[in-house]
Amino acid sequence: MIKFVYFDVGGVVIQDFSRTNKWEELKSGLGIKPDQTKDFNEIFDKYELGICVGRDVETLVPLLRESLGLKIPKDYSFLHDFVHRFEKNESIWPIIKNLKGNKKIGLLTNMYPHMLDAIYQAGLMPETNWDAIIDSSIEKVRKPQIEIFQLAQNRAGVQGAEILFVENGAKHVAAAKKFGWQTFLYDPTNTTQSNQNLERLLT
């Protein structure tokens, strides 16, 4: 029996960079040349773990200017650039709305500091009152670490087997399943089919 449903944000509740070319577009906008791609990816990957648990993503801008010689404008914001490229996933909103009142719902997401607030300010999120919000940048722990699932389960106030996690990342689904949760792998490239399958699971 499902008593609590946790939703990932990027790739589920909203359309982020998942399985799109938006990451390449962002790099192109920064002036990353093909021969700099490897170095850029190494720098970003090195620091992203820290960003998801509280480091300001904007601290990467001077690092990139210095390391790659990029002429990034002084007023450039990584946070704004990311959020500006995100889109609504209104197709899942009716599912979330219908769940409210029948089951408890929450968000379980890896976020950069202040990103979730910026997503809300951009009008990308459905209007609902979540029963729990687990934001990695606030909690200082991230998926797929076991500690974030333990924290989320405690906040949910139910047994792990009574939690359904709707997530688009396979490794995070695997981690939640190993922890004893029910899981649903959401495909952001086929929201229609994903929503239909999710609705069947919830009924």
Protein backbone atom coordinates (compact mmCIF):
# COMPACT_ATOMS: atom_id res chain seq x y z
CA MET A 1 0.00 0.00 0.00
CA ILE A 2 1.31 3.45 -0.95
CA LYS A 3 0.84 6.11 1.71
CA PHE A 4 3.44 8.69 0.65
CA VAL A 5 4.70 9.67 -2.82
CA TYR A 6 7.98 11.50 -3.25
CA PHE A 7 8.63 13.23 -6.58
CA ASP A 8 11.97 14.26 -7.99
CA VAL A 9 11.89 17.82 -9.37
CA GLY A 10 14.18 17.95 -12.42
CA GLY A 11 13.07 15.52 -15.10
CA VAL A 12 9.78 14.77 -13.34
CA VAL A 13 7.85 17.74 -11.92
CA ILE A 14 9.70 20.03 -14.34
CA GLN A 15 11.59 19.47 -17.57
CA ASP A 16 15.26 20.15 -16.92
CA PHE A 17 18.32 19.17 -18.98
CA SER A 18 17.56 15.44 -18.80
CA ARG A 19 17.98 13.78 -22.21
CA THR A 20 18.11 17.11 -24.06
CA ASN A 21 20.82 19.18 -25.74
CA LYS A 22 20.35 22.05 -23.28
CA TRP A 23 23.63 21.34 -21.52
CA GLU A 24 25.46 21.68 -24.83
CA GLU A 25 23.57 24.91 -25.50
CA LEU A 26 24.60 26.30 -22.15
CA LYS A 27 28.26 25.46 -22.77
CA SER A 28 28.08 27.02 -26.20
CA GLY A 29 26.65 30.18 -24.67
CA LEU A 30 29.60 30.33 -22.30
CA GLY A 31 31.98 30.19 -25.25
CA ILE A 32 33.24 26.67 -24.55
CA LYS A 33 35.16 25.47 -27.61
CA PRO A 34 35.22 21.79 -28.61
CA ASP A 35 38.79 21.37 -27.37
CA GLN A 36 37.78 22.82 -23.98
CA THR A 37 34.83 20.52 -23.39
CA LYS A 38 36.80 17.90 -21.49
CA ASP A 39 38.39 20.45 -19.17
CA PHE A 40 35.05 22.17 -18.55
CA ASN A 41 33.35 18.87 -17.73
CA GLU A 42 36.16 17.90 -15.36
CA ILE A 43 35.90 21.21 -13.49
CA PHE A 44 32.12 21.03 -13.23
CA ASP A 45 32.07 17.37 -12.21
CA LYS A 46 34.75 18.02 -9.58
CA TYR A 47 32.68 20.64 -7.81
CA GLU A 48 29.08 19.57 -8.48
CA LEU A 49 28.93 17.18 -5.52
CA GLY A 50 29.75 20.10 -3.26
CA ILE A 51 27.26 22.36 -5.02
CA CYS A 52 24.43 19.89 -4.41
CA VAL A 53 25.13 20.03 -0.68
CA GLY A 54 25.53 23.76 -0.25
CA ARG A 55 28.38 25.29 -2.24
CA ASP A 56 27.28 28.33 -4.28
CA VAL A 57 27.28 27.40 -7.97
CA GLU A 58 28.33 30.96 -8.83
CA THR A 59 31.77 30.25 -7.32
CA LEU A 60 32.50 28.21 -10.45
CA VAL A 61 32.32 31.27 -12.69
CA PRO A 62 35.72 32.78 -11.69
CA LEU A 63 37.25 29.30 -11.77
CA LEU A 64 36.12 28.86 -15.36
CA ARG A 65 37.28 32.33 -16.36
CA GLU A 66 40.73 31.62 -14.95
CA SER A 67 41.11 27.98 -15.99
CA LEU A 68 39.69 28.21 -19.50
CA GLY A 69 40.20 31.89 -20.29
CA LEU A 70 36.50 32.40 -20.84
CA LYS A 71 35.13 35.89 -21.25
CA ILE A 72 32.04 35.36 -19.13
CA PRO A 73 30.13 38.60 -18.47
CA LYS A 74 30.42 40.02 -14.95
CA ASP A 75 26.67 39.75 -14.39
CA TYR A 76 26.45 36.13 -15.57
CA SER A 77 24.61 33.75 -13.22
CA PHE A 78 24.83 29.98 -13.53
CA LEU A 79 21.66 29.68 -11.47
CA HIS A 80 19.70 32.00 -13.76
CA ASP A 81 21.07 30.31 -16.88
CA PHE A 82 19.96 26.89 -15.65
CA VAL A 83 16.51 27.93 -14.51
CA HIS A 84 15.91 30.00 -17.65
CA ARG A 85 16.30 26.81 -19.69
CA PHE A 86 13.93 24.72 -17.54
CA GLU A 87 10.32 24.18 -18.61
CA LYS A 88 7.05 23.18 -16.97
CA ASN A 89 5.87 19.59 -17.07
CA GLU A 90 2.19 20.43 -16.75
CA SER A 91 1.24 16.94 -17.88
CA ILE A 92 2.08 15.54 -14.42
CA TRP A 93 0.30 18.28 -12.48
CA PRO A 94 -3.15 16.58 -12.53
CA ILE A 95 -1.61 13.47 -10.99
CA ILE A 96 -0.09 15.53 -8.19
CA LYS A 97 -3.37 17.38 -7.66
CA ASN A 98 -5.40 14.17 -7.52
CA LEU A 99 -3.02 12.64 -4.99
CA LYS A 100 -3.43 15.50 -2.55
CA GLY A 101 -6.01 14.52 0.02
CA ASN A 102 -5.65 10.81 -0.72
CA LYS A 103 -1.98 10.36 0.02
CA LYS A 104 0.80 12.52 1.36
CA ILE A 105 3.22 13.93 -1.19
CA GLY A 106 6.67 15.42 -1.14
CA LEU A 107 9.72 16.47 -3.10
CA LEU A 108 13.05 14.64 -2.91
CA THR A 109 15.58 16.43 -5.05
CA ASN A 110 19.25 17.18 -5.63
CA MET A 111 19.35 20.96 -5.90
CA TYR A 112 21.89 23.74 -6.06
CA PRO A 113 21.52 26.41 -3.36
CA HIS A 114 18.50 28.68 -3.98
CA MET A 115 17.59 26.80 -7.16
CA LEU A 116 14.26 25.45 -5.91
CA ASP A 117 13.22 28.97 -4.89
CA ALA A 118 14.23 30.25 -8.34
CA ILE A 119 12.20 27.48 -10.00
CA TYR A 120 9.15 28.53 -8.01
CA GLN A 121 9.72 32.19 -8.82
CA ALA A 122 9.87 31.29 -12.51
CA GLY A 123 6.37 29.77 -12.22
CA LEU A 124 7.49 26.28 -13.19
CA MET A 125 6.00 24.36 -10.27
CA PRO A 126 2.42 23.25 -9.63
CA GLU A 127 0.49 25.04 -6.90
CA THR A 128 0.31 22.49 -4.12
CA ASN A 129 1.25 22.16 -0.47
CA TRP A 130 3.90 19.48 -0.16
CA ASP A 131 3.91 17.45 3.02
CA ALA A 132 7.70 17.26 2.97
CA ILE A 133 10.49 18.83 0.91
CA ILE A 134 13.93 17.24 0.97
CA ASP A 135 16.35 19.60 -0.80
CA SER A 136 19.94 18.33 -0.91
CA SER A 137 21.42 21.83 -0.74
CA ILE A 138 19.60 22.46 2.55
CA GLU A 139 19.94 19.00 4.08
CA LYS A 140 23.65 18.71 3.10
CA VAL A 141 23.17 15.19 1.76
CA ARG A 142 22.32 14.10 -1.75
CA LYS A 143 20.93 11.22 -3.78
CA PRO A 144 21.92 8.41 -4.02
CA GLN A 145 23.39 8.54 -0.49
CA ILE A 146 21.46 6.31 1.89
CA GLU A 147 21.23 9.13 4.45
CA ILE A 148 18.91 11.19 2.27
CA PHE A 149 16.46 8.30 1.93
CA GLN A 150 16.54 7.74 5.70
CA LEU A 151 15.87 11.45 6.26
CA ALA A 152 13.03 11.47 3.74
CA GLN A 153 11.47 8.38 5.28
CA ASN A 154 11.60 9.92 8.76
CA ARG A 155 9.95 13.09 7.45
CA ALA A 156 7.27 11.05 5.69
CA GLY A 157 6.40 9.27 8.93
CA VAL A 158 5.62 5.96 7.23
CA GLN A 159 7.38 2.68 6.55
CA GLY A 160 9.74 2.46 3.58
CA ALA A 161 7.53 -0.09 1.82
CA GLU A 162 4.71 2.48 1.93
CA ILE A 163 6.70 5.12 0.01
CA LEU A 164 6.67 5.47 -3.77
CA PHE A 165 9.54 7.44 -5.30
CA VAL A 166 8.96 8.91 -8.77
CA GLU A 167 12.39 9.63 -10.24
CA ASN A 168 13.99 9.90 -13.69
CA GLY A 169 17.50 8.81 -12.71
CA ALA A 170 18.12 5.06 -12.84
CA LYS A 171 20.86 5.07 -10.17
CA HIS A 172 18.63 6.97 -7.78
CA VAL A 173 15.75 4.59 -8.43
CA ALA A 174 18.08 1.68 -7.73
CA ALA A 175 19.25 3.26 -4.46
CA ALA A 176 15.69 3.90 -3.27
CA LYS A 177 14.63 0.38 -4.19
CA LYS A 178 17.60 -1.06 -2.30
CA PHE A 179 16.51 0.98 0.71
CA GLY A 180 13.13 -0.73 0.57
CA TRP A 181 10.98 1.86 -1.19
CA GLN A 182 8.63 1.34 -4.09
CA THR A 183 9.90 3.13 -7.17
CA PHE A 184 8.81 4.41 -10.56
CA LEU A 185 11.32 5.33 -13.27
CA TYR A 186 9.89 8.37 -15.05
CA ASP A 187 10.87 9.03 -18.67
CA PRO A 188 10.95 12.79 -19.36
CA THR A 189 11.16 12.13 -23.10
CA ASN A 190 7.80 10.32 -23.06
CA THR A 191 5.71 12.05 -20.43
CA THR A 192 2.42 10.82 -21.85
CA GLN A 193 3.30 7.15 -21.42
CA SER A 194 5.03 7.77 -18.10
CA ASN A 195 2.00 9.56 -16.71
CA GLN A 196 -0.34 6.82 -17.87
CA ASN A 197 1.83 4.13 -16.27
CA LEU A 198 2.15 6.14 -13.07
CA GLU A 199 -1.61 6.66 -12.84
CA ARG A 200 -2.18 2.90 -13.22
CA LEU A 201 0.31 2.25 -10.46
CA LEU A 202 -1.41 4.71 -8.13
CA THR A 203 -4.95 3.38 -8.65
